[in-house]
PDB file of N, CA and C in Angstrom:
ATOM      1  N   MET A   1       9.089   3.478  -2.603  1.00  0.00           N
ATOM      2  CA  MET A   1       7.713   3.502  -2.160  1.00  0.00           C
ATOM      3  C   MET A   1       7.549   2.515  -1.013  1.00  0.00           C
ATOM      4  N   VAL A   2       6.943   2.980   0.069  1.00  0.00           N
ATOM      5  CA  VAL A   2       6.686   2.128   1.226  1.00  0.00           C
ATOM      6  C   VAL A   2       5.262   1.592   1.109  1.00  0.00           C
ATOM      7  N   VAL A   3       5.149   0.264   1.033  1.00  0.00           N
ATOM      8  CA  VAL A   3       3.858  -0.395   0.875  1.00  0.00           C
ATOM      9  C   VAL A   3       3.581  -1.228   2.119  1.00  0.00           C
ATOM     10  N   ALA A   4       2.470  -0.942   2.779  1.00  0.00           N
ATOM     11  CA  ALA A   4       2.057  -1.716   3.951  1.00  0.00           C
ATOM     12  C   ALA A   4       1.132  -2.836   3.492  1.00  0.00           C
ATOM     13  N   ILE A   5       1.417  -4.049   3.949  1.00  0.00           N
ATOM     14  CA  ILE A   5       0.668  -5.235   3.542  1.00  0.00           C
ATOM     15  C   ILE A   5      -0.083  -5.796   4.744  1.00  0.00           C
ATOM     16  N   GLN A   6      -1.361  -6.098   4.540  1.00  0.00           N
ATOM     17  CA  GLN A   6      -2.172  -6.693   5.593  1.00  0.00           C
ATOM     18  C   GLN A   6      -1.690  -8.114   5.887  1.00  0.00           C
ATOM     19  N   GLU A   7      -1.821  -8.520   7.131  1.00  0.00           N
ATOM     20  CA  GLU A   7      -1.448  -9.875   7.541  1.00  0.00           C
ATOM     21  C   GLU A   7      -2.200 -10.892   6.687  1.00  0.00           C
ATOM     22  N   GLY A   8      -1.499 -11.949   6.295  1.00  0.00           N
ATOM     23  CA  GLY A   8      -2.108 -12.996   5.489  1.00  0.00           C
ATOM     24  C   GLY A   8      -1.830 -12.882   4.002  1.00  0.00           C
ATOM     25  N   LEU A   9      -1.111 -11.848   3.599  1.00  0.00           N
ATOM     26  CA  LEU A   9      -0.785 -11.654   2.183  1.00  0.00           C
ATOM     27  C   LEU A   9       0.711 -11.864   1.946  1.00  0.00           C
ATOM     28  N   GLY A  10       1.234 -12.938   2.506  1.00  0.00           N
ATOM     29  CA  GLY A  10       2.663 -13.224   2.447  1.00  0.00           C
ATOM     30  C   GLY A  10       3.222 -13.382   1.047  1.00  0.00           C
ATOM     31  N   GLU A  11       2.464 -14.020   0.150  1.00  0.00           N
ATOM     32  CA  GLU A  11       2.951 -14.205  -1.224  1.00  0.00           C
ATOM     33  C   GLU A  11       3.065 -12.868  -1.946  1.00  0.00           C
ATOM     34  N   ILE A  12       2.098 -12.004  -1.740  1.00  0.00           N
ATOM     35  CA  ILE A  12       2.149 -10.670  -2.354  1.00  0.00           C
ATOM     36  C   ILE A  12       3.334  -9.901  -1.794  1.00  0.00           C
ATOM     37  N   LYS A  13       3.531  -9.990  -0.496  1.00  0.00           N
ATOM     38  CA  LYS A  13       4.659  -9.310   0.150  1.00  0.00           C
ATOM     39  C   LYS A  13       5.979  -9.771  -0.460  1.00  0.00           C
ATOM     40  N   LYS A  14       6.136 -11.078  -0.591  1.00  0.00           N
ATOM     41  CA  LYS A  14       7.366 -11.649  -1.139  1.00  0.00           C
ATOM     42  C   LYS A  14       7.614 -11.170  -2.570  1.00  0.00           C
ATOM     43  N   GLU A  15       6.566 -11.178  -3.390  1.00  0.00           N
ATOM     44  CA  GLU A  15       6.705 -10.759  -4.789  1.00  0.00           C
ATOM     45  C   GLU A  15       7.025  -9.272  -4.916  1.00  0.00           C
ATOM     46  N   LEU A  16       6.396  -8.437  -4.094  1.00  0.00           N
ATOM     47  CA  LEU A  16       6.675  -6.998  -4.158  1.00  0.00           C
ATOM     48  C   LEU A  16       8.102  -6.692  -3.711  1.00  0.00           C
ATOM     49  N   LEU A  17       8.599  -7.430  -2.730  1.00  0.00           N
ATOM     50  CA  LEU A  17       9.998  -7.266  -2.312  1.00  0.00           C
ATOM     51  C   LEU A  17      10.937  -7.585  -3.473  1.00  0.00           C
ATOM     52  N   LYS A  18      10.642  -8.667  -4.207  1.00  0.00           N
ATOM     53  CA  LYS A  18      11.455  -9.040  -5.367  1.00  0.00           C
ATOM     54  C   LYS A  18      11.452  -7.948  -6.429  1.00  0.00           C
ATOM     55  N   ARG A  19      10.354  -7.200  -6.508  1.00  0.00           N
ATOM     56  CA  ARG A  19      10.197  -6.164  -7.531  1.00  0.00           C
ATOM     57  C   ARG A  19      10.663  -4.791  -7.060  1.00  0.00           C
ATOM     58  N   GLY A  20      11.313  -4.765  -5.902  1.00  0.00           N
ATOM     59  CA  GLY A  20      11.960  -3.533  -5.463  1.00  0.00           C
ATOM     60  C   GLY A  20      11.171  -2.618  -4.550  1.00  0.00           C
ATOM     61  N   PHE A  21      10.024  -3.049  -4.077  1.00  0.00           N
ATOM     62  CA  PHE A  21       9.240  -2.221  -3.170  1.00  0.00           C
ATOM     63  C   PHE A  21       9.732  -2.386  -1.736  1.00  0.00           C
ATOM     64  N   ASP A  22       9.597  -1.345  -0.949  1.00  0.00           N
ATOM     65  CA  ASP A  22       9.876  -1.397   0.483  1.00  0.00           C
ATOM     66  C   ASP A  22       8.574  -1.826   1.144  1.00  0.00           C
ATOM     67  N   VAL A  23       8.497  -3.075   1.606  1.00  0.00           N
ATOM     68  CA  VAL A  23       7.251  -3.649   2.108  1.00  0.00           C
ATOM     69  C   VAL A  23       7.318  -3.805   3.625  1.00  0.00           C
ATOM     70  N   VAL A  24       6.246  -3.347   4.292  1.00  0.00           N
ATOM     71  CA  VAL A  24       6.167  -3.405   5.755  1.00  0.00           C
ATOM     72  C   VAL A  24       4.844  -4.043   6.159  1.00  0.00           C
ATOM     73  N   ASP A  25       4.746  -4.438   7.430  1.00  0.00           N
ATOM     74  CA  ASP A  25       3.515  -5.029   7.952  1.00  0.00           C
ATOM     75  C   ASP A  25       2.549  -3.930   8.374  1.00  0.00           C
ATOM     76  N   LEU A  26       1.354  -3.961   7.837  1.00  0.00           N
ATOM     77  CA  LEU A  26       0.350  -2.934   8.090  1.00  0.00           C
ATOM     78  C   LEU A  26       0.009  -2.807   9.574  1.00  0.00           C
ATOM     79  N   GLU A  27      -0.140  -3.927  10.244  1.00  0.00           N
ATOM     80  CA  GLU A  27      -0.630  -3.908  11.617  1.00  0.00           C
ATOM     81  C   GLU A  27       0.380  -3.382  12.630  1.00  0.00           C
ATOM     82  N   THR A  28       1.662  -3.380  12.291  1.00  0.00           N
ATOM     83  CA  THR A  28       2.671  -3.005  13.288  1.00  0.00           C
ATOM     84  C   THR A  28       3.548  -1.825  12.903  1.00  0.00           C
ATOM     85  N   TYR A  29       3.587  -1.447  11.642  1.00  0.00           N
ATOM     86  CA  TYR A  29       4.475  -0.374  11.182  1.00  0.00           C
ATOM     87  C   TYR A  29       3.889   0.978  11.580  1.00  0.00           C
ATOM     88  N   ASN A  30       4.689   1.833  12.187  1.00  0.00           N
ATOM     89  CA  ASN A  30       4.189   3.086  12.749  1.00  0.00           C
ATOM     90  C   ASN A  30       4.888   4.312  12.158  1.00  0.00           C
ATOM     91  N   TYR A  31       5.179   4.252  10.868  1.00  0.00           N
ATOM     92  CA  TYR A  31       5.868   5.344  10.182  1.00  0.00           C
ATOM     93  C   TYR A  31       5.131   5.639   8.879  1.00  0.00           C
ATOM     94  N   PRO A  32       5.487   6.719   8.177  1.00  0.00           N
ATOM     95  CA  PRO A  32       4.773   7.056   6.938  1.00  0.00           C
ATOM     96  C   PRO A  32       4.819   5.936   5.896  1.00  0.00           C
ATOM     97  N   ILE A  33       3.687   5.751   5.227  1.00  0.00           N
ATOM     98  CA  ILE A  33       3.563   4.771   4.150  1.00  0.00           C
ATOM     99  C   ILE A  33       2.960   5.459   2.930  1.00  0.00           C
ATOM    100  N   ASP A  34       3.191   4.876   1.768  1.00  0.00           N
ATOM    101  CA  ASP A  34       2.645   5.408   0.523  1.00  0.00           C
ATOM    102  C   ASP A  34       1.399   4.666   0.071  1.00  0.00           C
ATOM    103  N   ALA A  35       1.328   3.374   0.390  1.00  0.00           N
ATOM    104  CA  ALA A  35       0.212   2.560  -0.096  1.00  0.00           C
ATOM    105  C   ALA A  35      -0.089   1.439   0.890  1.00  0.00           C
ATOM    106  N   ILE A  36      -1.325   0.952   0.811  1.00  0.00           N
ATOM    107  CA  ILE A  36      -1.771  -0.192   1.605  1.00  0.00           C
ATOM    108  C   ILE A  36      -2.357  -1.214   0.645  1.00  0.00           C
ATOM    109  N   ILE A  37      -1.955  -2.472   0.821  1.00  0.00           N
ATOM    110  CA  ILE A  37      -2.608  -3.564   0.104  1.00  0.00           C
ATOM    111  C   ILE A  37      -3.320  -4.399   1.157  1.00  0.00           C
ATOM    112  N   TYR A  38      -4.619  -4.573   0.953  1.00  0.00           N
ATOM    113  CA  TYR A  38      -5.438  -5.314   1.903  1.00  0.00           C
ATOM    114  C   TYR A  38      -6.269  -6.339   1.148  1.00  0.00           C
ATOM    115  N   LYS A  39      -6.949  -7.193   1.909  1.00  0.00           N
ATOM    116  CA  LYS A  39      -7.780  -8.219   1.286  1.00  0.00           C
ATOM    117  C   LYS A  39      -9.204  -8.103   1.813  1.00  0.00           C
ATOM    118  N   GLY A  40     -10.144  -8.380   0.961  1.00  0.00           N
ATOM    119  CA  GLY A  40     -11.530  -8.482   1.366  1.00  0.00           C
ATOM    120  C   GLY A  40     -12.198  -7.193   1.777  1.00  0.00           C
ATOM    121  N   ILE A  41     -13.416  -7.382   2.247  1.00  0.00           N
ATOM    122  CA  ILE A  41     -14.241  -6.273   2.706  1.00  0.00           C
ATOM    123  C   ILE A  41     -14.859  -6.732   4.015  1.00  0.00           C
ATOM    124  N   PRO A  42     -14.908  -5.992   5.045  1.00  0.00           N
ATOM    125  CA  PRO A  42     -14.450  -4.609   5.168  1.00  0.00           C
ATOM    126  C   PRO A  42     -12.980  -4.544   5.543  1.00  0.00           C
ATOM    127  N   PHE A  43     -12.380  -3.404   5.321  1.00  0.00           N
ATOM    128  CA  PHE A  43     -10.992  -3.156   5.708  1.00  0.00           C
ATOM    129  C   PHE A  43     -10.990  -2.462   7.065  1.00  0.00           C
ATOM    130  N   GLN A  44     -10.136  -2.912   7.968  1.00  0.00           N
ATOM    131  CA  GLN A  44     -10.034  -2.309   9.303  1.00  0.00           C
ATOM    132  C   GLN A  44      -9.196  -1.044   9.235  1.00  0.00           C
ATOM    133  N   ILE A  45      -9.836   0.090   9.036  1.00  0.00           N
ATOM    134  CA  ILE A  45      -9.110   1.352   8.919  1.00  0.00           C
ATOM    135  C   ILE A  45      -8.391   1.700  10.217  1.00  0.00           C
ATOM    136  N   SER A  46      -8.760   1.061  11.315  1.00  0.00           N
ATOM    137  CA  SER A  46      -8.098   1.336  12.594  1.00  0.00           C
ATOM    138  C   SER A  46      -6.622   0.959  12.564  1.00  0.00           C
ATOM    139  N   TYR A  47      -6.203   0.156  11.575  1.00  0.00           N
ATOM    140  CA  TYR A  47      -4.786  -0.178  11.450  1.00  0.00           C
ATOM    141  C   TYR A  47      -3.953   1.028  11.033  1.00  0.00           C
ATOM    142  N   VAL A  48      -4.576   1.999  10.393  1.00  0.00           N
ATOM    143  CA  VAL A  48      -3.860   3.165   9.884  1.00  0.00           C
ATOM    144  C   VAL A  48      -3.873   4.255  10.949  1.00  0.00           C
ATOM    145  N   SER A  49      -2.688   4.711  11.331  1.00  0.00           N
ATOM    146  CA  SER A  49      -2.592   5.761  12.349  1.00  0.00           C
ATOM    147  C   SER A  49      -2.136   7.066  11.711  1.00  0.00           C
ATOM    148  N   GLY A  50      -2.209   8.130  12.481  1.00  0.00           N
ATOM    149  CA  GLY A  50      -1.728   9.422  12.007  1.00  0.00           C
ATOM    150  C   GLY A  50      -0.262   9.383  11.642  1.00  0.00           C
ATOM    151  N   ASN A  51       0.502   8.505  12.275  1.00  0.00           N
ATOM    152  CA  ASN A  51       1.928   8.378  11.966  1.00  0.00           C
ATOM    153  C   ASN A  51       2.168   7.810  10.571  1.00  0.00           C
ATOM    154  N   ASN A  52       1.183   7.095  10.023  1.00  0.00           N
ATOM    155  CA  ASN A  52       1.327   6.520   8.688  1.00  0.00           C
ATOM    156  C   ASN A  52       1.111   7.542   7.583  1.00  0.00           C
ATOM    157  N   MET A  53       0.522   8.690   7.921  1.00  0.00           N
ATOM    158  CA  MET A  53       0.212   9.706   6.918  1.00  0.00           C
ATOM    159  C   MET A  53       0.902  11.013   7.278  1.00  0.00           C
ATOM    160  N   PRO A  54       1.995  11.342   6.603  1.00  0.00           N
ATOM    161  CA  PRO A  54       2.694  12.593   6.913  1.00  0.00           C
ATOM    162  C   PRO A  54       1.853  13.804   6.543  1.00  0.00           C
ATOM    163  N   ALA A  55       2.059  14.892   7.251  1.00  0.00           N
ATOM    164  CA  ALA A  55       1.343  16.132   6.950  1.00  0.00           C
ATOM    165  C   ALA A  55       1.743  16.641   5.575  1.00  0.00           C
ATOM    166  N   MET A  56       0.830  17.343   4.920  1.00  0.00           N
ATOM    167  CA  MET A  56       1.111  17.855   3.579  1.00  0.00           C
ATOM    168  C   MET A  56       2.329  18.760   3.570  1.00  0.00           C
ATOM    169  N   SER A  57       2.542  19.482   4.633  1.00  0.00           N
ATOM    170  CA  SER A  57       3.638  20.451   4.666  1.00  0.00           C
ATOM    171  C   SER A  57       4.962  19.865   5.135  1.00  0.00           C
ATOM    172  N   SER A  58       4.979  18.579   5.467  1.00  0.00           N
ATOM    173  CA  SER A  58       6.201  17.994   6.017  1.00  0.00           C
ATOM    174  C   SER A  58       7.291  17.821   4.970  1.00  0.00           C
ATOM    175  N   GLY A  59       6.913  17.705   3.698  1.00  0.00           N
ATOM    176  CA  GLY A  59       7.895  17.524   2.638  1.00  0.00           C
ATOM    177  C   GLY A  59       8.487  16.133   2.590  1.00  0.00           C
ATOM    178  N   ILE A  60       7.957  15.211   3.383  1.00  0.00           N
ATOM    179  CA  ILE A  60       8.503  13.857   3.427  1.00  0.00           C
ATOM    180  C   ILE A  60       8.147  13.072   2.167  1.00  0.00           C
ATOM    181  N   ARG A  61       6.936  13.246   1.674  1.00  0.00           N
ATOM    182  CA  ARG A  61       6.461  12.496   0.518  1.00  0.00           C
ATOM    183  C   ARG A  61       6.013  13.450  -0.580  1.00  0.00           C
ATOM    184  N   GLU A  62       6.221  13.027  -1.813  1.00  0.00           N
ATOM    185  CA  GLU A  62       5.792  13.821  -2.963  1.00  0.00           C
ATOM    186  C   GLU A  62       4.269  13.857  -3.072  1.00  0.00           C
ATOM    187  N   ASN A  63       3.621  12.719  -2.861  1.00  0.00           N
ATOM    188  CA  ASN A  63       2.163  12.621  -2.966  1.00  0.00           C
ATOM    189  C   ASN A  63       1.565  12.514  -1.576  1.00  0.00           C
ATOM    190  N   TYR A  64       0.559  13.324  -1.312  1.00  0.00           N
ATOM    191  CA  TYR A  64      -0.080  13.287  -0.005  1.00  0.00           C
ATOM    192  C   TYR A  64      -1.165  12.220   0.004  1.00  0.00           C
ATOM    193  N   GLY A  65      -1.284  11.510   1.088  1.00  0.00           N
ATOM    194  CA  GLY A  65      -2.312  10.494   1.238  1.00  0.00           C
ATOM    195  C   GLY A  65      -1.758   9.100   1.032  1.00  0.00           C
ATOM    196  N   VAL A  66      -2.599   8.121   1.349  1.00  0.00           N
ATOM    197  CA  VAL A  66      -2.223   6.715   1.245  1.00  0.00           C
ATOM    198  C   VAL A  66      -3.083   6.066   0.162  1.00  0.00           C
ATOM    199  N   PHE A  67      -2.438   5.455  -0.818  1.00  0.00           N
ATOM    200  CA  PHE A  67      -3.117   4.767  -1.916  1.00  0.00           C
ATOM    201  C   PHE A  67      -3.524   3.387  -1.420  1.00  0.00           C
ATOM    202  N   MET A  68      -4.823   3.073  -1.441  1.00  0.00           N
ATOM    203  CA  MET A  68      -5.324   1.808  -0.905  1.00  0.00           C
ATOM    204  C   MET A  68      -5.786   0.897  -2.035  1.00  0.00           C
ATOM    205  N   VAL A  69      -5.322  -0.358  -1.997  1.00  0.00           N
ATOM    206  CA  VAL A  69      -5.640  -1.321  -3.053  1.00  0.00           C
ATOM    207  C   VAL A  69      -6.150  -2.612  -2.431  1.00  0.00           C
ATOM    208  N   ASN A  70      -7.324  -3.054  -2.868  1.00  0.00           N
ATOM    209  CA  ASN A  70      -7.866  -4.340  -2.462  1.00  0.00           C
ATOM    210  C   ASN A  70      -7.236  -5.401  -3.364  1.00  0.00           C
ATOM    211  N   SER A  71      -6.623  -6.404  -2.769  1.00  0.00           N
ATOM    212  CA  SER A  71      -5.899  -7.416  -3.544  1.00  0.00           C
ATOM    213  C   SER A  71      -6.797  -8.508  -4.120  1.00  0.00           C
ATOM    214  N   ASN A  72      -8.076  -8.526  -3.756  1.00  0.00           N
ATOM    215  CA  ASN A  72      -8.978  -9.573  -4.251  1.00  0.00           C
ATOM    216  C   ASN A  72      -9.011  -9.601  -5.772  1.00  0.00           C
ATOM    217  N   ASN A  73      -8.818 -10.799  -6.326  1.00  0.00           N
ATOM    218  CA  ASN A  73      -8.899 -11.043  -7.773  1.00  0.00           C
ATOM    219  C   ASN A  73      -7.916 -10.216  -8.591  1.00  0.00           C
ATOM    220  N   ARG A  74      -6.765  -9.893  -8.030  1.00  0.00           N
ATOM    221  CA  ARG A  74      -5.748  -9.124  -8.759  1.00  0.00           C
ATOM    222  C   ARG A  74      -4.442  -9.928  -8.798  1.00  0.00           C
ATOM    223  N   SER A  75      -3.810  -9.895  -9.951  1.00  0.00           N
ATOM    224  CA  SER A  75      -2.511 -10.557 -10.090  1.00  0.00           C
ATOM    225  C   SER A  75      -1.422  -9.649  -9.525  1.00  0.00           C
ATOM    226  N   ILE A  76      -0.256 -10.208  -9.306  1.00  0.00           N
ATOM    227  CA  ILE A  76       0.866  -9.408  -8.806  1.00  0.00           C
ATOM    228  C   ILE A  76       1.249  -8.343  -9.830  1.00  0.00           C
ATOM    229  N   ASP A  77       1.127  -8.647 -11.114  1.00  0.00           N
ATOM    230  CA  ASP A  77       1.425  -7.649 -12.148  1.00  0.00           C
ATOM    231  C   ASP A  77       0.444  -6.476 -12.083  1.00  0.00           C
ATOM    232  N   GLU A  78      -0.834  -6.770 -11.859  1.00  0.00           N
ATOM    233  CA  GLU A  78      -1.831  -5.704 -11.722  1.00  0.00           C
ATOM    234  C   GLU A  78      -1.535  -4.841 -10.500  1.00  0.00           C
ATOM    235  N   LEU A  79      -1.204  -5.485  -9.389  1.00  0.00           N
ATOM    236  CA  LEU A  79      -0.893  -4.741  -8.167  1.00  0.00           C
ATOM    237  C   LEU A  79       0.327  -3.853  -8.367  1.00  0.00           C
ATOM    238  N   GLU A  80       1.362  -4.404  -8.997  1.00  0.00           N
ATOM    239  CA  GLU A  80       2.567  -3.608  -9.242  1.00  0.00           C
ATOM    240  C   GLU A  80       2.249  -2.394 -10.112  1.00  0.00           C
ATOM    241  N   ASN A  81       1.484  -2.598 -11.168  1.00  0.00           N
ATOM    242  CA  ASN A  81       1.132  -1.492 -12.054  1.00  0.00           C
ATOM    243  C   ASN A  81       0.345  -0.413 -11.301  1.00  0.00           C
ATOM    244  N   MET A  82      -0.596  -0.822 -10.482  1.00  0.00           N
ATOM    245  CA  MET A  82      -1.375   0.140  -9.694  1.00  0.00           C
ATOM    246  C   MET A  82      -0.481   0.946  -8.763  1.00  0.00           C
ATOM    247  N   LEU A  83       0.446   0.267  -8.107  1.00  0.00           N
ATOM    248  CA  LEU A  83       1.335   0.961  -7.176  1.00  0.00           C
ATOM    249  C   LEU A  83       2.238   1.950  -7.901  1.00  0.00           C
ATOM    250  N   ARG A  84       2.767   1.545  -9.033  1.00  0.00           N
ATOM    251  CA  ARG A  84       3.696   2.421  -9.757  1.00  0.00           C
ATOM    252  C   ARG A  84       2.993   3.628 -10.385  1.00  0.00           C
ATOM    253  N   THR A  85       1.760   3.448 -10.825  1.00  0.00           N
ATOM    254  CA  THR A  85       1.041   4.546 -11.480  1.00  0.00           C
ATOM    255  C   THR A  85       0.095   5.292 -10.547  1.00  0.00           C
ATOM    256  N   ARG A  86      -0.231   4.682  -9.414  1.00  0.00           N
ATOM    257  CA  ARG A  86      -1.228   5.213  -8.464  1.00  0.00           C
ATOM    258  C   ARG A  86      -2.591   5.384  -9.141  1.00  0.00           C
ATOM    259  N   TYR A  87      -2.909   4.447 -10.038  1.00  0.00           N
ATOM    260  CA  TYR A  87      -4.218   4.397 -10.695  1.00  0.00           C
ATOM    261  C   TYR A  87      -4.788   2.999 -10.522  1.00  0.00           C
ATOM    262  N   TYR A  88      -6.112   2.914 -10.417  1.00  0.00           N
ATOM    263  CA  TYR A  88      -6.762   1.618 -10.272  1.00  0.00           C
ATOM    264  C   TYR A  88      -6.945   0.916 -11.609  1.00  0.00           C
ATOM    265  N   SER A  89      -7.204   1.669 -12.670  1.00  0.00           N
ATOM    266  CA  SER A  89      -7.359   1.089 -14.003  1.00  0.00           C
ATOM    267  C   SER A  89      -7.164   2.191 -15.036  1.00  0.00           C
ATOM    268  N   PRO A  90      -6.906   1.796 -16.275  1.00  0.00           N
ATOM    269  CA  PRO A  90      -6.763   2.815 -17.321  1.00  0.00           C
ATOM    270  C   PRO A  90      -8.058   3.614 -17.476  1.00  0.00           C
ATOM    271  N   LEU A  91      -7.923   4.875 -17.813  1.00  0.00           N
ATOM    272  CA  LEU A  91      -9.106   5.710 -18.012  1.00  0.00           C
ATOM    273  C   LEU A  91      -9.791   5.419 -19.336  1.00  0.00           C
ATOM    274  N   PHE A  92      -9.020   5.007 -20.339  1.00  0.00           N
ATOM    275  CA  PHE A  92      -9.588   4.758 -21.666  1.00  0.00           C
ATOM    276  C   PHE A  92      -9.197   3.398 -22.173  1.00  0.00           C
TER     277      PHE A  92
END
């Protein structure tokens, strides 16, 4: 899974690398990504380009779209769980 991290989230980046994620810099990476971890509100959506989101028919990714997670008030374990399940919280 390719996870793009917003500038300023170095500790999260380091921890996700340790846990086996392919982590890239959100502001400069120009290839398909699976998820974005950002901080605060508002998020600068201008960082995300068409190159970051492969077409549905390209067959490059199993899941279409980019999973976006706000890192505010979340532990690294919570972030990892969200990325692996692509869910924000349990339904029940």
